[in-house]
């Protein structure tokens, strides 16, 4: 459906909404007719930003998408610009329902499902790339893994046409934490996941030697994830003789692994093998109108073919999690999401922060937040 911006300069997304979204920059005095309400802009409204369609008293909720997106910090007059200067996070109680809005997606018969050209791993999983990973166990080895990867790409990769890339996995953790802590366990689990990612044919681990994240402990805690066979090679900078020696040793380790990785070639694989990770980035006031619904439709198509999608950054759904619990396929799935939300509340309170979906300056400039979908649920019904 085509929309004339001259006739429809702003859009009301739900009959209960107190605001419309400006589809173009609106000058003061511009008439706005949206969803049966008509106002004139009281100030300049940038594209993607919200304009009040009716007065909202101080302390009252403001709705967009038919959902509470925040509370008025002062009386908001009809036609006013609604943004961070008059909208804030506030306390509210949510009633959670579980599984009341489940929407099954009809599956596509096996004979009609799509395929993609991917790499089949010995574990049975399928990858879209065929890379080697140089994984640092600690921030102290970040420079070294980057040097190994850079030289291997330049000196070795051209000889192995079936290998997509040689990547460095560097990070800023691995020490100055407690052995056996949840933070260290999360790091070890993540690093092992990189090494056994279906896009990775083989991996080399590089550490300093004295860090808390000891290689033996990583192996012990991640044995199931790493697999019982073909333990990835490990290089310790201190034991190897310094950074320069470790870079050379790393090149030799990569050279030994490349022939194995080069054996993998692309083959037709069913789309049901794909797992799509969803990640936010560069959001603005139009994301919830255009990009997010489009991506949701793409996920529905993938699921219909038997594939999987993962929604990351659970704080991003804060204040809207009640919509997801209604679509939980089982009650325990919905309650698991609520427990995660409770954890985020406790975490931010402990650290002196406020859950407001972390809108960056660019997000705010584009009309997203703050907040995007806030609300501080304090209880839920079982």
Foldseek 3Di string as FASTA:
>chain_A
DDDDCLVAQWEAQDLPAQKTFGQAWAAFQDWHAYNNAIDTANHTEHHLFIFGRAKDAAQGFGDGNNAGQFGFNHIHHHNYTDAPVGGDADADADAFDAQQDADDQAADDPVPFAWDWWWQAPVRATGRFQEEEEEELAQVCQVLQVLLQVVCQVPPVVVQVRHDGYYYHHDHGQAPDDQPDPVSLVSLQVRLCVQPPNNYRGYEYEYQCPGSSDPVVSCVSCVVSNDVPDRHHYYHQVVQPHSVSVSVVSNVSVNVCRVVSSVIHIDIDTLLSDEAEDDDDLAASCCVVPVVVVVVVVQSVSVSSNHHYDYDDLLQCELPLSVVSNNHPDNVVSVVSVVVVVVVVVVQVVVVHDSQVPQDPSHSVRHCDSRNRYYHHDDYDD
